[in-house]
Amino acid sequence: MDKKHTPAAGAAPAEAGVPPAPELSEKQRRYLRGLAHPLGAVIRIGKEGLTDAVAKETTRALFDHELIKVKGPGGDREARDAMFVTLAERTGSALVHRIGNVAVLYRPRADLKRILIPD
């Protein structure tokens, strides 16, 4: 089968070794939403959609910042929501919040946590 017809083709090597997404309580989500409010979008997804390069850059940004905003394309809301969920899965991050075409992703660093969230 052609790589174009298998959505996960080519994605497996980037996903190998991806840690599981952190489980967040509603209180923790509210706290992270508050921290993310003044942030600008670090990742912008263009008309090509969710590519391996976007996933790789998102992984790098999460490593650097732990909490980031991702701006998706306008258009179909359900497709955009599915894209944000897929991006969170591919990067091992938690989808904290989504409003309009902006999503907030969180993934703590194992070696150096910069954001301490309440229990």
C-alpha atoms as a PDB file:
ATOM      1  CA  MET A   1       0.000   0.000   0.000  1.00  0.00           C
ATOM      2  CA  ASP A   2       1.203   3.511  -0.805  1.00  0.00           C
ATOM      3  CA  LYS A   3       2.356   5.791   2.039  1.00  0.00           C
ATOM      4  CA  LYS A   4      -0.167   8.405   0.971  1.00  0.00           C
ATOM      5  CA  HIS A   5      -3.034   6.055   1.806  1.00  0.00           C
ATOM      6  CA  THR A   6      -1.891   5.063   5.292  1.00  0.00           C
ATOM      7  CA  PRO A   7      -2.230   7.953   7.739  1.00  0.00           C
ATOM      8  CA  ALA A   8       0.210   6.484  10.254  1.00  0.00           C
ATOM      9  CA  ALA A   9       2.862   5.640   7.662  1.00  0.00           C
ATOM     10  CA  GLY A  10       6.086   7.438   8.383  1.00  0.00           C
ATOM     11  CA  ALA A  11       4.796   8.607  11.758  1.00  0.00           C
ATOM     12  CA  ALA A  12       5.855   5.543  13.752  1.00  0.00           C
ATOM     13  CA  PRO A  13       9.600   6.386  13.941  1.00  0.00           C
ATOM     14  CA  ALA A  14       8.830   9.843  15.332  1.00  0.00           C
ATOM     15  CA  GLU A  15       6.390   8.331  17.827  1.00  0.00           C
ATOM     16  CA  ALA A  16       8.730   5.616  19.054  1.00  0.00           C
ATOM     17  CA  GLY A  17       9.740   6.455  22.602  1.00  0.00           C
ATOM     18  CA  VAL A  18       7.060   9.113  23.035  1.00  0.00           C
ATOM     19  CA  PRO A  19       6.075   9.211  26.709  1.00  0.00           C
ATOM     20  CA  PRO A  20       2.403   8.816  27.585  1.00  0.00           C
ATOM     21  CA  ALA A  21       0.415  12.016  27.947  1.00  0.00           C
ATOM     22  CA  PRO A  22       0.142  13.317  31.506  1.00  0.00           C
ATOM     23  CA  GLU A  23      -3.208  12.837  33.232  1.00  0.00           C
ATOM     24  CA  LEU A  24      -4.592  16.172  34.404  1.00  0.00           C
ATOM     25  CA  SER A  25      -7.409  16.951  36.814  1.00  0.00           C
ATOM     26  CA  GLU A  26      -9.832  19.758  36.059  1.00  0.00           C
ATOM     27  CA  LYS A  27      -8.115  21.921  38.692  1.00  0.00           C
ATOM     28  CA  GLN A  28      -4.769  21.377  36.978  1.00  0.00           C
ATOM     29  CA  ARG A  29      -6.286  22.174  33.562  1.00  0.00           C
ATOM     30  CA  ARG A  30      -7.687  25.455  34.909  1.00  0.00           C
ATOM     31  CA  TYR A  31      -4.285  26.348  36.357  1.00  0.00           C
ATOM     32  CA  LEU A  32      -2.513  25.614  33.051  1.00  0.00           C
ATOM     33  CA  ARG A  33      -5.139  27.560  31.079  1.00  0.00           C
ATOM     34  CA  GLY A  34      -4.376  30.551  33.290  1.00  0.00           C
ATOM     35  CA  LEU A  35      -0.653  30.223  32.660  1.00  0.00           C
ATOM     36  CA  ALA A  36      -1.216  29.858  28.917  1.00  0.00           C
ATOM     37  CA  HIS A  37      -3.532  32.856  28.592  1.00  0.00           C
ATOM     38  CA  PRO A  38      -0.827  35.497  27.937  1.00  0.00           C
ATOM     39  CA  LEU A  39       1.252  33.213  25.687  1.00  0.00           C
ATOM     40  CA  GLY A  40       1.405  33.618  21.941  1.00  0.00           C
ATOM     41  CA  ALA A  41       1.163  30.714  19.523  1.00  0.00           C
ATOM     42  CA  VAL A  42       4.526  28.979  19.171  1.00  0.00           C
ATOM     43  CA  ILE A  43       3.410  26.571  16.442  1.00  0.00           C
ATOM     44  CA  ARG A  44       1.266  27.493  13.459  1.00  0.00           C
ATOM     45  CA  ILE A  45      -0.197  24.708  11.363  1.00  0.00           C
ATOM     46  CA  GLY A  46      -0.530  25.694   7.722  1.00  0.00           C
ATOM     47  CA  LYS A  47      -2.595  24.491   4.810  1.00  0.00           C
ATOM     48  CA  GLU A  48      -0.558  21.254   4.575  1.00  0.00           C
ATOM     49  CA  GLY A  49      -2.009  20.224   7.941  1.00  0.00           C
ATOM     50  CA  LEU A  50      -0.317  18.012  10.472  1.00  0.00           C
ATOM     51  CA  THR A  51       2.958  16.902   8.906  1.00  0.00           C
ATOM     52  CA  ASP A  52       5.914  15.074  10.412  1.00  0.00           C
ATOM     53  CA  ALA A  53       7.810  18.380  10.477  1.00  0.00           C
ATOM     54  CA  VAL A  54       5.031  20.046  12.493  1.00  0.00           C
ATOM     55  CA  ALA A  55       4.964  17.147  14.965  1.00  0.00           C
ATOM     56  CA  LYS A  56       8.749  17.251  15.317  1.00  0.00           C
ATOM     57  CA  GLU A  57       8.802  21.020  15.875  1.00  0.00           C
ATOM     58  CA  THR A  58       5.951  20.721  18.397  1.00  0.00           C
ATOM     59  CA  THR A  59       7.931  18.078  20.286  1.00  0.00           C
ATOM     60  CA  ARG A  60      10.928  20.402  20.381  1.00  0.00           C
ATOM     61  CA  ALA A  61       8.805  23.346  21.543  1.00  0.00           C
ATOM     62  CA  LEU A  62       7.248  21.233  24.304  1.00  0.00           C
ATOM     63  CA  PHE A  63      10.720  20.195  25.441  1.00  0.00           C
ATOM     64  CA  ASP A  64      11.798  23.842  25.575  1.00  0.00           C
ATOM     65  CA  HIS A  65       8.638  25.359  27.090  1.00  0.00           C
ATOM     66  CA  GLU A  66       6.440  22.552  28.534  1.00  0.00           C
ATOM     67  CA  LEU A  67       3.308  24.646  27.859  1.00  0.00           C
ATOM     68  CA  ILE A  68       2.618  25.961  24.360  1.00  0.00           C
ATOM     69  CA  LYS A  69      -0.136  27.300  22.178  1.00  0.00           C
ATOM     70  CA  VAL A  70      -0.712  25.858  18.713  1.00  0.00           C
ATOM     71  CA  LYS A  71      -2.675  27.764  16.101  1.00  0.00           C
ATOM     72  CA  GLY A  72      -4.478  25.648  13.538  1.00  0.00           C
ATOM     73  CA  PRO A  73      -6.060  26.527  10.222  1.00  0.00           C
ATOM     74  CA  GLY A  74      -9.570  27.892  10.003  1.00  0.00           C
ATOM     75  CA  GLY A  75     -12.321  25.893   8.416  1.00  0.00           C
ATOM     76  CA  ASP A  76     -13.897  22.645   9.544  1.00  0.00           C
ATOM     77  CA  ARG A  77     -14.080  22.583  13.340  1.00  0.00           C
ATOM     78  CA  GLU A  78     -14.277  18.794  13.711  1.00  0.00           C
ATOM     79  CA  ALA A  79     -11.252  18.249  11.463  1.00  0.00           C
ATOM     80  CA  ARG A  80      -9.280  20.868  13.395  1.00  0.00           C
ATOM     81  CA  ASP A  81     -10.238  19.291  16.747  1.00  0.00           C
ATOM     82  CA  ALA A  82      -9.201  15.860  15.467  1.00  0.00           C
ATOM     83  CA  MET A  83      -5.903  17.330  14.267  1.00  0.00           C
ATOM     84  CA  PHE A  84      -5.202  18.810  17.730  1.00  0.00           C
ATOM     85  CA  VAL A  85      -5.977  15.458  19.404  1.00  0.00           C
ATOM     86  CA  THR A  86      -3.688  13.648  16.949  1.00  0.00           C
ATOM     87  CA  LEU A  87      -0.907  16.188  17.530  1.00  0.00           C
ATOM     88  CA  ALA A  88      -1.208  15.714  21.299  1.00  0.00           C
ATOM     89  CA  GLU A  89      -1.017  11.926  20.884  1.00  0.00           C
ATOM     90  CA  ARG A  90       1.983  12.103  18.549  1.00  0.00           C
ATOM     91  CA  THR A  91       3.892  14.382  20.921  1.00  0.00           C
ATOM     92  CA  GLY A  92       2.919  12.652  24.178  1.00  0.00           C
ATOM     93  CA  SER A  93       1.319  15.815  25.496  1.00  0.00           C
ATOM     94  CA  ALA A  94      -1.978  16.649  27.152  1.00  0.00           C
ATOM     95  CA  LEU A  95      -4.496  18.745  25.263  1.00  0.00           C
ATOM     96  CA  VAL A  96      -5.261  21.241  28.023  1.00  0.00           C
ATOM     97  CA  HIS A  97      -7.689  23.489  26.204  1.00  0.00           C
ATOM     98  CA  ARG A  98      -8.999  24.336  22.778  1.00  0.00           C
ATOM     99  CA  ILE A  99     -10.862  27.460  21.829  1.00  0.00           C
ATOM    100  CA  GLY A 100     -11.461  28.512  18.259  1.00  0.00           C
ATOM    101  CA  ASN A 101      -8.427  27.583  16.211  1.00  0.00           C
ATOM    102  CA  VAL A 102      -5.973  27.667  19.142  1.00  0.00           C
ATOM    103  CA  ALA A 103      -5.041  24.714  21.348  1.00  0.00           C
ATOM    104  CA  VAL A 104      -2.919  24.567  24.488  1.00  0.00           C
ATOM    105  CA  LEU A 105      -0.589  21.571  24.900  1.00  0.00           C
ATOM    106  CA  TYR A 106       1.327  20.572  28.028  1.00  0.00           C
ATOM    107  CA  ARG A 107       4.088  18.023  28.521  1.00  0.00           C
ATOM    108  CA  PRO A 108       6.329  18.215  31.588  1.00  0.00           C
ATOM    109  CA  ARG A 109      10.031  17.523  31.262  1.00  0.00           C
ATOM    110  CA  ALA A 110      11.221  14.539  33.245  1.00  0.00           C
ATOM    111  CA  ASP A 111      14.642  16.025  33.972  1.00  0.00           C
ATOM    112  CA  LEU A 112      13.783  19.672  34.678  1.00  0.00           C
ATOM    113  CA  LYS A 113      10.226  20.690  35.441  1.00  0.00           C
ATOM    114  CA  ARG A 114       9.712  24.388  34.925  1.00  0.00           C
ATOM    115  CA  ILE A 115       6.002  24.446  35.647  1.00  0.00           C
ATOM    116  CA  LEU A 116       4.845  23.143  39.005  1.00  0.00           C
ATOM    117  CA  ILE A 117       1.150  22.409  38.858  1.00  0.00           C
ATOM    118  CA  PRO A 118      -1.027  21.868  41.954  1.00  0.00           C
ATOM    119  CA  ASP A 119      -2.206  18.388  42.888  1.00  0.00           C
END
